[in-house]
Amino acid sequence: MEEKDMLQNEAAEETPADDNNKKRGWKRELLDWVEAIVFAVAITFLLKNFVFTLVKVDGQSMEPTLQNENRLYVNRFFYTPEKGDIIIFTPHSDPNRPYVKRVIATEGDTVYIDFATGDVYVNDEIIDEKYIAERTEHIGSYIRELMLYGEYSRENPIVIEKDKIFVMGDNRNASKDSRELGQVPVDEVMGHALFRFWPLDEFGKLE
């Protein structure tokens, strides 16, 4: 009888206030989870948009340096394009597709491509391009238009405008780049491709 009375007393001790406390505790725990998820999403957004992002190569335009479906780590944090860098950019004319190209010239530089020899001149000097698949023969609509108006020659090269860059794919004759698109505004650049993390047997820093 004493044990039965004790159980009855314990049950009687549970009041509506205890019930409310349990509900408040459950709600507090749920709110903590929601706050944690929102915080994690916000951090991911900030990192992806301002610090780094991951990009998959689509196509053969950067062969032999990069192959189709390679995965790249791209730095976005306070990045300024420099000659020789491999960059990711999204042109306003094709905003849903990231382009992977190499920076050939930056603001103030001059560019002239001799399509007869395949040589690329930057500031009137031939650049050493050990990374290309083959010499440059494809002209592109941007340069072809300059030629049409008599605005392109060895004596009248392309002058890279303020806050713009000139980019080309390493697979020169299978690449849509500045020869087609023209000079690329720096504000279209997503970042600098620093290293390849897939496939694993090619993991490493990009040169």
N, C-alpha and C. Protein backbone atom coordinates (compact mmCIF):
# COMPACT_ATOMS: atom_id res chain seq x y z
N MET A 1 0.83 -1.20 0.00
CA MET A 1 0.00 0.00 0.00
C MET A 1 0.87 1.26 0.00
N GLU A 2 1.95 1.20 0.78
CA GLU A 2 2.81 2.38 0.85
C GLU A 2 3.40 2.72 -0.52
N GLU A 3 3.81 1.67 -1.29
CA GLU A 3 4.39 1.89 -2.62
C GLU A 3 3.36 2.50 -3.55
N LYS A 4 2.11 2.04 -3.45
CA LYS A 4 1.03 2.58 -4.29
C LYS A 4 0.78 4.04 -3.96
N ASP A 5 0.80 4.35 -2.65
CA ASP A 5 0.60 5.75 -2.23
C ASP A 5 1.70 6.64 -2.74
N MET A 6 2.95 6.13 -2.74
CA MET A 6 4.09 6.93 -3.21
C MET A 6 3.94 7.25 -4.69
N LEU A 7 3.52 6.26 -5.50
CA LEU A 7 3.33 6.50 -6.93
C LEU A 7 2.24 7.52 -7.17
N GLN A 8 1.17 7.42 -6.36
CA GLN A 8 0.08 8.38 -6.50
C GLN A 8 0.54 9.79 -6.14
N ASN A 9 1.37 9.87 -5.11
CA ASN A 9 1.87 11.18 -4.68
C ASN A 9 2.76 11.81 -5.74
N GLU A 10 3.64 10.94 -6.39
CA GLU A 10 4.54 11.45 -7.43
C GLU A 10 3.75 11.96 -8.62
N ALA A 11 2.69 11.21 -8.98
CA ALA A 11 1.85 11.64 -10.09
C ALA A 11 1.15 12.93 -9.77
N ALA A 12 0.76 13.06 -8.53
CA ALA A 12 0.05 14.27 -8.12
C ALA A 12 0.96 15.48 -8.12
N GLU A 13 2.29 15.21 -7.93
CA GLU A 13 3.24 16.32 -7.89
C GLU A 13 3.48 16.95 -9.25
N GLU A 14 3.16 16.24 -10.37
CA GLU A 14 3.32 16.79 -11.72
C GLU A 14 2.18 17.76 -12.00
N THR A 15 2.52 19.02 -12.10
CA THR A 15 1.52 20.08 -12.23
C THR A 15 1.47 20.59 -13.67
N PRO A 16 0.48 21.38 -14.04
CA PRO A 16 0.43 22.02 -15.37
C PRO A 16 1.65 22.87 -15.66
N ALA A 17 2.25 23.44 -14.61
CA ALA A 17 3.46 24.25 -14.80
C ALA A 17 4.60 23.39 -15.34
N ASP A 18 4.71 22.15 -14.81
CA ASP A 18 5.75 21.24 -15.30
C ASP A 18 5.54 20.92 -16.77
N ASP A 19 4.29 20.74 -17.13
CA ASP A 19 3.93 20.46 -18.52
C ASP A 19 4.36 21.60 -19.44
N ASN A 20 4.11 22.83 -19.01
CA ASN A 20 4.49 24.01 -19.78
C ASN A 20 6.00 24.13 -19.94
N ASN A 21 6.71 23.78 -18.84
CA ASN A 21 8.17 23.83 -18.90
C ASN A 21 8.73 22.85 -19.92
N LYS A 22 8.11 21.67 -19.98
CA LYS A 22 8.55 20.67 -20.95
C LYS A 22 8.33 21.17 -22.37
N LYS A 23 7.18 21.80 -22.61
CA LYS A 23 6.87 22.32 -23.94
C LYS A 23 7.85 23.44 -24.33
N ARG A 24 8.12 24.32 -23.32
CA ARG A 24 9.06 25.40 -23.58
C ARG A 24 10.45 24.86 -23.89
N GLY A 25 10.85 23.81 -23.19
CA GLY A 25 12.15 23.19 -23.42
C GLY A 25 12.25 22.59 -24.81
N TRP A 26 11.19 21.95 -25.26
CA TRP A 26 11.16 21.35 -26.60
C TRP A 26 11.23 22.43 -27.68
N LYS A 27 10.47 23.51 -27.45
CA LYS A 27 10.48 24.62 -28.40
C LYS A 27 11.85 25.29 -28.46
N ARG A 28 12.48 25.43 -27.28
CA ARG A 28 13.81 26.04 -27.22
C ARG A 28 14.83 25.21 -27.97
N GLU A 29 14.74 23.89 -27.81
CA GLU A 29 15.66 22.98 -28.50
C GLU A 29 15.46 23.06 -30.01
N LEU A 30 14.21 23.11 -30.46
CA LEU A 30 13.92 23.23 -31.89
C LEU A 30 14.46 24.54 -32.44
N LEU A 31 14.27 25.62 -31.68
CA LEU A 31 14.77 26.93 -32.11
C LEU A 31 16.29 26.93 -32.21
N ASP A 32 16.96 26.25 -31.28
CA ASP A 32 18.42 26.15 -31.32
C ASP A 32 18.89 25.44 -32.59
N TRP A 33 18.17 24.39 -32.96
CA TRP A 33 18.51 23.65 -34.19
C TRP A 33 18.31 24.52 -35.42
N VAL A 34 17.20 25.24 -35.47
CA VAL A 34 16.92 26.13 -36.61
C VAL A 34 18.00 27.20 -36.72
N GLU A 35 18.38 27.79 -35.59
CA GLU A 35 19.42 28.82 -35.59
C GLU A 35 20.75 28.26 -36.08
N ALA A 36 21.07 27.02 -35.66
CA ALA A 36 22.33 26.39 -36.08
C ALA A 36 22.34 26.14 -37.58
N ILE A 37 21.21 25.68 -38.11
CA ILE A 37 21.11 25.40 -39.55
C ILE A 37 21.22 26.69 -40.35
N VAL A 38 20.51 27.73 -39.91
CA VAL A 38 20.57 29.03 -40.60
C VAL A 38 21.98 29.58 -40.58
N PHE A 39 22.65 29.46 -39.45
CA PHE A 39 24.04 29.94 -39.32
C PHE A 39 24.96 29.18 -40.27
N ALA A 40 24.79 27.86 -40.34
CA ALA A 40 25.62 27.03 -41.22
C ALA A 40 25.41 27.39 -42.68
N VAL A 41 24.14 27.61 -43.06
CA VAL A 41 23.83 28.00 -44.44
C VAL A 41 24.45 29.37 -44.76
N ALA A 42 24.35 30.30 -43.81
CA ALA A 42 24.90 31.65 -44.02
C ALA A 42 26.42 31.59 -44.19
N ILE A 43 27.09 30.79 -43.36
CA ILE A 43 28.55 30.65 -43.46
C ILE A 43 28.94 30.04 -44.80
N THR A 44 28.20 29.00 -45.21
CA THR A 44 28.46 28.35 -46.50
C THR A 44 28.30 29.34 -47.64
N PHE A 45 27.25 30.17 -47.57
CA PHE A 45 27.01 31.18 -48.61
C PHE A 45 28.16 32.18 -48.67
N LEU A 46 28.60 32.64 -47.51
CA LEU A 46 29.68 33.62 -47.47
C LEU A 46 30.98 33.03 -48.00
N LEU A 47 31.29 31.80 -47.59
CA LEU A 47 32.51 31.16 -48.06
C LEU A 47 32.49 30.96 -49.57
N LYS A 48 31.35 30.47 -50.08
CA LYS A 48 31.25 30.18 -51.51
C LYS A 48 31.30 31.44 -52.35
N ASN A 49 30.71 32.52 -51.88
CA ASN A 49 30.62 33.73 -52.68
C ASN A 49 31.77 34.70 -52.48
N PHE A 50 32.49 34.59 -51.36
CA PHE A 50 33.53 35.58 -51.09
C PHE A 50 34.90 34.98 -50.79
N VAL A 51 34.98 33.70 -50.49
CA VAL A 51 36.26 33.11 -50.11
C VAL A 51 36.72 32.07 -51.13
N PHE A 52 35.92 31.05 -51.38
CA PHE A 52 36.30 30.03 -52.35
C PHE A 52 35.06 29.36 -52.92
N THR A 53 35.26 28.67 -54.04
CA THR A 53 34.18 27.87 -54.61
C THR A 53 34.82 26.69 -55.32
N LEU A 54 34.01 25.70 -55.65
CA LEU A 54 34.47 24.51 -56.36
C LEU A 54 33.82 24.49 -57.74
N VAL A 55 34.61 24.21 -58.76
CA VAL A 55 34.12 24.28 -60.14
C VAL A 55 34.49 23.01 -60.90
N LYS A 56 33.58 22.54 -61.75
CA LYS A 56 33.86 21.40 -62.62
C LYS A 56 34.17 21.90 -64.03
N VAL A 57 35.25 21.41 -64.62
CA VAL A 57 35.62 21.78 -65.98
C VAL A 57 34.64 21.12 -66.95
N ASP A 58 34.12 21.93 -67.88
CA ASP A 58 33.17 21.43 -68.86
C ASP A 58 33.74 21.64 -70.26
N GLY A 59 34.23 20.57 -70.89
CA GLY A 59 34.77 20.68 -72.23
C GLY A 59 36.28 20.50 -72.30
N GLN A 60 36.80 20.68 -73.51
CA GLN A 60 38.23 20.42 -73.77
C GLN A 60 39.05 21.69 -74.01
N SER A 61 38.49 22.86 -73.74
CA SER A 61 39.16 24.11 -74.13
C SER A 61 40.46 24.40 -73.38
N MET A 62 40.70 23.69 -72.24
CA MET A 62 41.94 23.95 -71.50
C MET A 62 42.91 22.77 -71.57
N GLU A 63 42.66 21.83 -72.47
CA GLU A 63 43.63 20.74 -72.64
C GLU A 63 44.92 21.28 -73.25
N PRO A 64 46.08 20.74 -72.91
CA PRO A 64 46.31 19.56 -72.07
C PRO A 64 46.39 19.85 -70.57
N THR A 65 46.30 21.12 -70.17
CA THR A 65 46.45 21.46 -68.75
C THR A 65 45.33 20.88 -67.91
N LEU A 66 44.08 21.03 -68.38
CA LEU A 66 42.91 20.53 -67.68
C LEU A 66 42.07 19.69 -68.62
N GLN A 67 41.42 18.67 -68.06
CA GLN A 67 40.56 17.81 -68.86
C GLN A 67 39.10 17.96 -68.45
N ASN A 68 38.22 17.55 -69.34
CA ASN A 68 36.80 17.58 -69.08
C ASN A 68 36.47 16.87 -67.77
N GLU A 69 35.64 17.52 -66.95
CA GLU A 69 35.15 17.00 -65.66
C GLU A 69 36.19 17.01 -64.55
N ASN A 70 37.35 17.62 -64.77
CA ASN A 70 38.25 17.89 -63.64
C ASN A 70 37.52 18.78 -62.64
N ARG A 71 37.82 18.62 -61.36
CA ARG A 71 37.25 19.50 -60.33
C ARG A 71 38.34 20.40 -59.79
N LEU A 72 38.00 21.70 -59.66
CA LEU A 72 39.00 22.69 -59.26
C LEU A 72 38.57 23.44 -58.01
N TYR A 73 39.56 23.78 -57.18
CA TYR A 73 39.36 24.67 -56.04
C TYR A 73 39.69 26.08 -56.51
N VAL A 74 38.75 27.01 -56.33
CA VAL A 74 38.90 28.37 -56.86
C VAL A 74 38.91 29.38 -55.72
N ASN A 75 40.00 30.15 -55.61
CA ASN A 75 40.10 31.20 -54.60
C ASN A 75 39.38 32.47 -55.07
N ARG A 76 38.54 33.05 -54.18
CA ARG A 76 37.82 34.27 -54.52
C ARG A 76 38.20 35.43 -53.60
N PHE A 77 39.02 35.17 -52.61
CA PHE A 77 39.27 36.13 -51.54
C PHE A 77 40.29 37.18 -51.96
N PHE A 78 39.83 38.43 -52.18
CA PHE A 78 40.70 39.54 -52.55
C PHE A 78 41.61 39.18 -53.73
N TYR A 79 41.02 38.59 -54.77
CA TYR A 79 41.82 38.15 -55.91
C TYR A 79 41.86 39.19 -57.02
N THR A 80 43.05 39.45 -57.55
CA THR A 80 43.25 40.31 -58.72
C THR A 80 43.93 39.49 -59.80
N PRO A 81 43.32 39.39 -61.01
CA PRO A 81 43.91 38.56 -62.07
C PRO A 81 45.32 39.00 -62.46
N GLU A 82 46.18 38.02 -62.69
CA GLU A 82 47.55 38.27 -63.14
C GLU A 82 47.84 37.39 -64.35
N LYS A 83 48.76 37.85 -65.18
CA LYS A 83 49.13 37.10 -66.39
C LYS A 83 49.59 35.69 -66.02
N GLY A 84 49.07 34.72 -66.75
CA GLY A 84 49.43 33.33 -66.52
C GLY A 84 48.47 32.58 -65.62
N ASP A 85 47.65 33.30 -64.86
CA ASP A 85 46.69 32.64 -63.97
C ASP A 85 45.61 31.91 -64.76
N ILE A 86 45.16 30.78 -64.21
CA ILE A 86 43.97 30.11 -64.73
C ILE A 86 42.80 30.61 -63.90
N ILE A 87 41.80 31.18 -64.58
CA ILE A 87 40.69 31.81 -63.87
C ILE A 87 39.35 31.19 -64.28
N ILE A 88 38.36 31.48 -63.45
CA ILE A 88 36.97 31.14 -63.76
C ILE A 88 36.22 32.46 -63.90
N PHE A 89 35.47 32.60 -64.98
CA PHE A 89 34.65 33.80 -65.13
C PHE A 89 33.31 33.42 -65.77
N THR A 90 32.32 34.27 -65.55
CA THR A 90 30.99 34.07 -66.14
C THR A 90 30.63 35.30 -66.94
N PRO A 91 30.72 35.24 -68.26
CA PRO A 91 30.40 36.41 -69.09
C PRO A 91 28.93 36.78 -68.99
N HIS A 92 28.64 38.08 -69.05
CA HIS A 92 27.25 38.54 -68.98
C HIS A 92 26.42 37.94 -70.12
N SER A 93 27.07 37.62 -71.23
CA SER A 93 26.36 37.05 -72.37
C SER A 93 26.00 35.58 -72.18
N ASP A 94 26.63 34.93 -71.19
CA ASP A 94 26.38 33.50 -70.92
C ASP A 94 26.52 33.27 -69.43
N PRO A 95 25.65 33.86 -68.60
CA PRO A 95 25.84 33.89 -67.15
C PRO A 95 25.66 32.56 -66.44
N ASN A 96 25.10 31.57 -67.10
CA ASN A 96 24.84 30.28 -66.44
C ASN A 96 25.97 29.27 -66.64
N ARG A 97 27.03 29.69 -67.33
CA ARG A 97 28.11 28.76 -67.61
C ARG A 97 29.46 29.35 -67.22
N PRO A 98 30.13 28.79 -66.21
CA PRO A 98 31.47 29.28 -65.86
C PRO A 98 32.49 28.89 -66.95
N TYR A 99 33.33 29.85 -67.34
CA TYR A 99 34.38 29.60 -68.32
C TYR A 99 35.71 29.45 -67.57
N VAL A 100 36.53 28.49 -68.00
CA VAL A 100 37.86 28.29 -67.43
C VAL A 100 38.88 28.66 -68.50
N LYS A 101 39.68 29.70 -68.25
CA LYS A 101 40.65 30.18 -69.24
C LYS A 101 41.92 30.65 -68.54
N ARG A 102 42.92 30.97 -69.36
CA ARG A 102 44.18 31.49 -68.83
C ARG A 102 44.28 32.98 -69.16
N VAL A 103 44.75 33.76 -68.20
CA VAL A 103 44.94 35.20 -68.41
C VAL A 103 46.19 35.41 -69.25
N ILE A 104 46.02 36.09 -70.39
CA ILE A 104 47.14 36.37 -71.30
C ILE A 104 47.65 37.79 -71.09
N ALA A 105 46.74 38.72 -70.84
CA ALA A 105 47.15 40.12 -70.67
C ALA A 105 46.18 40.82 -69.72
N THR A 106 46.68 41.86 -69.06
CA THR A 106 45.86 42.62 -68.12
C THR A 106 45.85 44.10 -68.53
N GLU A 107 45.15 44.89 -67.76
CA GLU A 107 44.98 46.33 -68.06
C GLU A 107 46.28 47.02 -68.47
N GLY A 108 46.22 47.71 -69.62
CA GLY A 108 47.39 48.46 -70.10
C GLY A 108 48.30 47.68 -71.02
N ASP A 109 48.20 46.34 -71.04
CA ASP A 109 49.03 45.52 -71.93
C ASP A 109 48.52 45.62 -73.37
N THR A 110 49.38 45.24 -74.31
CA THR A 110 48.97 45.12 -75.71
C THR A 110 49.05 43.65 -76.11
N VAL A 111 48.14 43.25 -77.00
CA VAL A 111 48.10 41.86 -77.47
C VAL A 111 48.04 41.84 -78.99
N TYR A 112 48.91 41.03 -79.57
CA TYR A 112 48.84 40.78 -81.01
C TYR A 112 49.11 39.30 -81.26
N ILE A 113 48.22 38.66 -82.01
CA ILE A 113 48.39 37.25 -82.35
C ILE A 113 48.69 37.16 -83.84
N ASP A 114 49.82 36.56 -84.18
CA ASP A 114 50.19 36.34 -85.57
C ASP A 114 49.61 34.98 -85.96
N PHE A 115 48.52 34.99 -86.68
CA PHE A 115 47.84 33.74 -87.00
C PHE A 115 48.56 32.94 -88.09
N ALA A 116 49.52 33.55 -88.76
CA ALA A 116 50.33 32.82 -89.74
C ALA A 116 51.36 31.93 -89.04
N THR A 117 51.93 32.43 -87.96
CA THR A 117 52.95 31.66 -87.22
C THR A 117 52.40 31.03 -85.94
N GLY A 118 51.27 31.56 -85.45
CA GLY A 118 50.71 31.07 -84.19
C GLY A 118 51.31 31.73 -82.97
N ASP A 119 52.20 32.70 -83.16
CA ASP A 119 52.84 33.38 -82.04
C ASP A 119 51.90 34.41 -81.40
N VAL A 120 51.96 34.51 -80.07
CA VAL A 120 51.18 35.50 -79.34
C VAL A 120 52.14 36.51 -78.73
N TYR A 121 51.92 37.77 -79.07
CA TYR A 121 52.77 38.86 -78.56
C TYR A 121 52.03 39.63 -77.47
N VAL A 122 52.67 39.81 -76.34
CA VAL A 122 52.16 40.68 -75.27
C VAL A 122 53.21 41.74 -75.03
N ASN A 123 52.79 42.98 -75.18
CA ASN A 123 53.73 44.11 -75.07
C ASN A 123 54.91 43.95 -76.04
N ASP A 124 54.55 43.50 -77.26
CA ASP A 124 55.49 43.36 -78.38
C ASP A 124 56.55 42.29 -78.16
N GLU A 125 56.30 41.37 -77.24
CA GLU A 125 57.22 40.25 -77.03
C GLU A 125 56.46 38.94 -77.12
N ILE A 126 57.05 37.96 -77.81
CA ILE A 126 56.41 36.64 -77.91
C ILE A 126 56.43 35.98 -76.53
N ILE A 127 55.28 35.50 -76.10
CA ILE A 127 55.24 34.83 -74.78
C ILE A 127 55.52 33.34 -74.95
N ASP A 128 56.20 32.78 -73.97
CA ASP A 128 56.55 31.36 -73.98
C ASP A 128 55.34 30.57 -73.50
N GLU A 129 54.78 29.76 -74.37
CA GLU A 129 53.54 29.05 -74.05
C GLU A 129 53.75 27.53 -74.10
N LYS A 130 54.42 27.02 -73.11
CA LYS A 130 54.69 25.58 -73.04
C LYS A 130 53.42 24.78 -72.73
N TYR A 131 52.41 25.47 -72.27
CA TYR A 131 51.19 24.80 -71.81
C TYR A 131 50.16 24.55 -72.91
N ILE A 132 50.34 25.11 -74.11
CA ILE A 132 49.29 25.02 -75.13
C ILE A 132 49.29 23.66 -75.83
N ALA A 133 48.11 23.29 -76.38
CA ALA A 133 47.98 22.04 -77.11
C ALA A 133 48.60 22.16 -78.50
N GLU A 134 48.40 23.31 -79.16
CA GLU A 134 48.95 23.57 -80.48
C GLU A 134 48.96 25.08 -80.72
N ARG A 135 49.68 25.50 -81.71
CA ARG A 135 49.83 26.93 -81.98
C ARG A 135 48.50 27.54 -82.41
N THR A 136 48.36 28.84 -82.17
CA THR A 136 47.09 29.53 -82.36
C THR A 136 46.79 29.82 -83.83
N GLU A 137 45.70 29.23 -84.32
CA GLU A 137 45.26 29.47 -85.70
C GLU A 137 43.85 30.05 -85.75
N HIS A 138 43.02 29.67 -84.78
CA HIS A 138 41.63 30.16 -84.76
C HIS A 138 41.59 31.65 -84.47
N ILE A 139 40.92 32.42 -85.34
CA ILE A 139 40.92 33.89 -85.20
C ILE A 139 39.85 34.37 -84.23
N GLY A 140 38.60 34.02 -84.47
CA GLY A 140 37.53 34.47 -83.58
C GLY A 140 36.86 35.73 -84.08
N SER A 141 35.57 35.86 -83.78
CA SER A 141 34.76 36.96 -84.34
C SER A 141 35.19 38.34 -83.85
N TYR A 142 35.67 38.45 -82.60
CA TYR A 142 36.10 39.74 -82.06
C TYR A 142 37.30 40.27 -82.85
N ILE A 143 38.29 39.43 -83.03
CA ILE A 143 39.48 39.86 -83.77
C ILE A 143 39.18 40.02 -85.25
N ARG A 144 38.33 39.15 -85.77
CA ARG A 144 37.97 39.25 -87.19
C ARG A 144 37.30 40.60 -87.49
N GLU A 145 36.47 41.06 -86.54
CA GLU A 145 35.81 42.36 -86.72
C GLU A 145 36.82 43.50 -86.68
N LEU A 146 37.79 43.40 -85.77
CA LEU A 146 38.85 44.41 -85.73
C LEU A 146 39.62 44.45 -87.04
N MET A 147 39.90 43.27 -87.57
CA MET A 147 40.60 43.19 -88.86
C MET A 147 39.78 43.86 -89.96
N LEU A 148 38.47 43.61 -89.94
CA LEU A 148 37.57 44.15 -90.96
C LEU A 148 37.63 45.67 -91.01
N TYR A 149 37.76 46.28 -89.83
CA TYR A 149 37.79 47.75 -89.76
C TYR A 149 39.22 48.31 -89.74
N GLY A 150 40.19 47.45 -90.03
CA GLY A 150 41.58 47.91 -90.09
C GLY A 150 42.13 48.31 -88.74
N GLU A 151 41.63 47.71 -87.67
CA GLU A 151 42.04 48.08 -86.32
C GLU A 151 42.88 47.00 -85.64
N TYR A 152 43.49 46.14 -86.45
CA TYR A 152 44.29 45.06 -85.86
C TYR A 152 45.48 44.74 -86.76
N SER A 153 46.66 44.89 -86.21
CA SER A 153 47.90 44.55 -86.92
C SER A 153 49.04 44.55 -85.90
N ARG A 154 50.21 44.16 -86.35
CA ARG A 154 51.38 44.17 -85.45
C ARG A 154 51.65 45.58 -84.96
N GLU A 155 51.42 46.56 -85.83
CA GLU A 155 51.64 47.97 -85.45
C GLU A 155 50.44 48.55 -84.72
N ASN A 156 49.32 47.89 -84.78
CA ASN A 156 48.09 48.36 -84.14
C ASN A 156 47.45 47.22 -83.34
N PRO A 157 48.11 46.80 -82.24
CA PRO A 157 47.61 45.66 -81.47
C PRO A 157 46.41 46.03 -80.61
N ILE A 158 45.83 45.03 -80.00
CA ILE A 158 44.74 45.26 -79.04
C ILE A 158 45.34 45.85 -77.76
N VAL A 159 44.75 46.93 -77.29
CA VAL A 159 45.17 47.53 -76.01
C VAL A 159 44.13 47.15 -74.96
N ILE A 160 44.58 46.52 -73.89
CA ILE A 160 43.65 46.06 -72.86
C ILE A 160 43.17 47.25 -72.03
N GLU A 161 41.86 47.40 -71.99
CA GLU A 161 41.24 48.55 -71.35
C GLU A 161 41.27 48.45 -69.82
N LYS A 162 40.94 49.53 -69.18
CA LYS A 162 40.89 49.60 -67.71
C LYS A 162 39.91 48.57 -67.17
N ASP A 163 40.33 47.85 -66.14
CA ASP A 163 39.50 46.85 -65.45
C ASP A 163 39.04 45.73 -66.38
N LYS A 164 39.90 45.39 -67.35
CA LYS A 164 39.60 44.28 -68.24
C LYS A 164 40.84 43.40 -68.42
N ILE A 165 40.61 42.18 -68.91
CA ILE A 165 41.71 41.25 -69.16
C ILE A 165 41.46 40.54 -70.50
N PHE A 166 42.51 39.94 -71.03
CA PHE A 166 42.41 39.15 -72.26
C PHE A 166 42.73 37.71 -71.89
N VAL A 167 41.82 36.78 -72.22
CA VAL A 167 41.98 35.38 -71.81
C VAL A 167 41.93 34.46 -73.03
N MET A 168 42.61 33.31 -72.90
CA MET A 168 42.58 32.30 -73.96
C MET A 168 42.63 30.92 -73.32
N GLY A 169 42.04 29.94 -74.02
CA GLY A 169 42.14 28.56 -73.57
C GLY A 169 43.45 27.95 -74.05
N ASP A 170 43.99 27.01 -73.29
CA ASP A 170 45.25 26.36 -73.67
C ASP A 170 45.08 25.51 -74.93
N ASN A 171 43.89 25.01 -75.15
CA ASN A 171 43.59 24.27 -76.38
C ASN A 171 43.12 25.30 -77.41
N ARG A 172 44.07 26.05 -77.96
CA ARG A 172 43.81 27.27 -78.69
C ARG A 172 42.79 27.17 -79.82
N ASN A 173 42.77 26.06 -80.50
CA ASN A 173 41.90 25.96 -81.67
C ASN A 173 40.58 25.26 -81.37
N ALA A 174 40.31 25.09 -80.07
CA ALA A 174 39.02 24.52 -79.64
C ALA A 174 38.54 25.26 -78.39
N SER A 175 38.68 26.60 -78.42
CA SER A 175 38.36 27.40 -77.25
C SER A 175 37.60 28.66 -77.63
N LYS A 176 36.51 28.91 -76.90
CA LYS A 176 35.79 30.18 -77.04
C LYS A 176 36.31 31.11 -75.94
N ASP A 177 37.04 32.15 -76.35
CA ASP A 177 37.69 33.01 -75.36
C ASP A 177 37.68 34.45 -75.85
N SER A 178 38.67 35.24 -75.48
CA SER A 178 38.67 36.67 -75.85
C SER A 178 38.74 36.91 -77.34
N ARG A 179 39.17 35.91 -78.10
CA ARG A 179 39.16 36.06 -79.56
C ARG A 179 37.72 36.14 -80.09
N GLU A 180 36.79 35.55 -79.31
CA GLU A 180 35.37 35.60 -79.66
C GLU A 180 34.62 36.62 -78.81
N LEU A 181 34.87 36.55 -77.50
CA LEU A 181 34.11 37.34 -76.53
C LEU A 181 34.62 38.77 -76.37
N GLY A 182 35.86 39.00 -76.77
CA GLY A 182 36.46 40.31 -76.52
C GLY A 182 37.10 40.36 -75.14
N GLN A 183 37.47 41.55 -74.74
CA GLN A 183 38.10 41.73 -73.44
C GLN A 183 37.10 41.44 -72.32
N VAL A 184 37.57 40.76 -71.28
CA VAL A 184 36.70 40.32 -70.19
C VAL A 184 36.78 41.31 -69.03
N PRO A 185 35.64 41.89 -68.61
CA PRO A 185 35.64 42.77 -67.44
C PRO A 185 36.06 42.00 -66.18
N VAL A 186 36.87 42.62 -65.36
CA VAL A 186 37.35 41.97 -64.15
C VAL A 186 36.19 41.59 -63.22
N ASP A 187 35.10 42.37 -63.27
CA ASP A 187 33.99 42.04 -62.37
C ASP A 187 33.23 40.78 -62.79
N GLU A 188 33.58 40.19 -63.94
CA GLU A 188 33.00 38.91 -64.34
C GLU A 188 33.82 37.72 -63.82
N VAL A 189 34.99 38.02 -63.27
CA VAL A 189 35.89 36.95 -62.80
C VAL A 189 35.43 36.44 -61.44
N MET A 190 35.22 35.13 -61.36
CA MET A 190 34.82 34.49 -60.11
C MET A 190 36.02 34.28 -59.18
N GLY A 191 37.16 33.91 -59.77
CA GLY A 191 38.32 33.67 -58.94
C GLY A 191 39.45 32.96 -59.67
N HIS A 192 40.47 32.62 -58.91
CA HIS A 192 41.70 32.01 -59.41
C HIS A 192 41.68 30.52 -59.11
N ALA A 193 41.78 29.68 -60.15
CA ALA A 193 41.83 28.22 -59.95
C ALA A 193 43.22 27.85 -59.43
N LEU A 194 43.27 27.44 -58.16
CA LEU A 194 44.56 27.20 -57.52
C LEU A 194 45.03 25.76 -57.67
N PHE A 195 44.12 24.80 -57.45
CA PHE A 195 44.54 23.41 -57.61
C PHE A 195 43.38 22.51 -58.01
N ARG A 196 43.76 21.36 -58.54
CA ARG A 196 42.79 20.35 -58.96
C ARG A 196 42.66 19.32 -57.85
N PHE A 197 41.42 19.01 -57.45
CA PHE A 197 41.24 18.01 -56.40
C PHE A 197 40.58 16.73 -56.93
N TRP A 198 40.22 16.72 -58.21
CA TRP A 198 39.67 15.50 -58.82
C TRP A 198 40.03 15.49 -60.30
N PRO A 199 40.47 14.34 -60.81
CA PRO A 199 40.63 13.03 -60.16
C PRO A 199 41.79 13.02 -59.17
N LEU A 200 41.73 12.10 -58.23
CA LEU A 200 42.70 12.08 -57.14
C LEU A 200 44.12 11.84 -57.63
N ASP A 201 44.28 11.07 -58.73
CA ASP A 201 45.64 10.81 -59.20
C ASP A 201 46.28 12.02 -59.88
N GLU A 202 45.49 13.10 -60.06
CA GLU A 202 46.03 14.34 -60.62
C GLU A 202 45.90 15.49 -59.61
N PHE A 203 45.65 15.15 -58.36
CA PHE A 203 45.50 16.15 -57.31
C PHE A 203 46.77 16.99 -57.20
N GLY A 204 46.60 18.31 -57.16
CA GLY A 204 47.78 19.14 -56.98
C GLY A 204 47.58 20.56 -57.47
N LYS A 205 48.58 21.39 -57.22
CA LYS A 205 48.54 22.79 -57.58
C LYS A 205 48.63 22.95 -59.09
N LEU A 206 47.88 23.94 -59.61
CA LEU A 206 47.92 24.22 -61.05
C LEU A 206 49.03 25.21 -61.35
N GLU A 207 49.76 24.93 -62.42
CA GLU A 207 50.85 25.82 -62.83
C GLU A 207 50.35 26.76 -63.92
